[in-house]
Amino acid sequence: MINNADDCLIIVDVQNDFCSGGALEVPAGEEVVPVINQLVDKFAHRILTQDWHPVGHYSFASAHPGKSPFETVELDYGTQVLWPDHCIQGSDGAEFHPDLEIVGAELIIRKGFRLSIDSYSAFTENDQMTPTGLSGYLANRQFRRLFLTGLATDYCVFWSALDARRAGFEVVLIEDACRAIDMDGSKFRALDQMDAVGVVRVAATDL
């Protein structure tokens, strides 16, 4: 199924703060690591994304007196979920999980580094206008199909999948190489929306 001429594996935000014991723990997030590591030799081309927030980022509840994590605020670009401080630039929490195989990755896309705007998608920040540059990079490299893995299914993986489809790429979600936060059914809503835009779902063992 994999065509290494124009397929690319995208590994989304497999960072310490999103794994067990991290500041914004995705339940069993570290379980994606061995699955992804088994995939890396199958793909000639791999890209990593990394949440990379400055201290005091506007998506942090701590930046809004009186607010708590998982409440919302209205920012210039719309409604923003407030998160615990996480993936702060240069911190251990922002580092990739130590067991993740990153040797051989061709590019690291850092996102969320602008103080006043969050960035779930690997392609576009949350204003849906500010690009990360990934789409142009992939198009210039003539990649056609993207295989998505990582954290979290219902946030950064989900928004990356939607934006990749908008940009004209074929998208394959490797389900068992992802984990979800799953607040109030958000995982299944995300999967339904990905299905609706033509994202193909597979298991790692299918590849």
Foldseek 3Di string as FASTA:
>chain_A
DDDQLFEEEEAEAQFQLCDPPHQNHFVNQCQLQVLVVVCPVVHQAYEYEFEEEAPLAPLAQVVPPPGDAQDWDQAPLGIHGHGHDALYHPDRRRHHDPSHDPPNHDYYQYFHHDRHWHALESAATSSRPHGSCPLVVSVVSVHAEYEYAHPAQLTNRLVNLVVCVVSRHAYEYQPSSHGHSQDPNSNVVSVVVSVVSHHHYDHSVVD
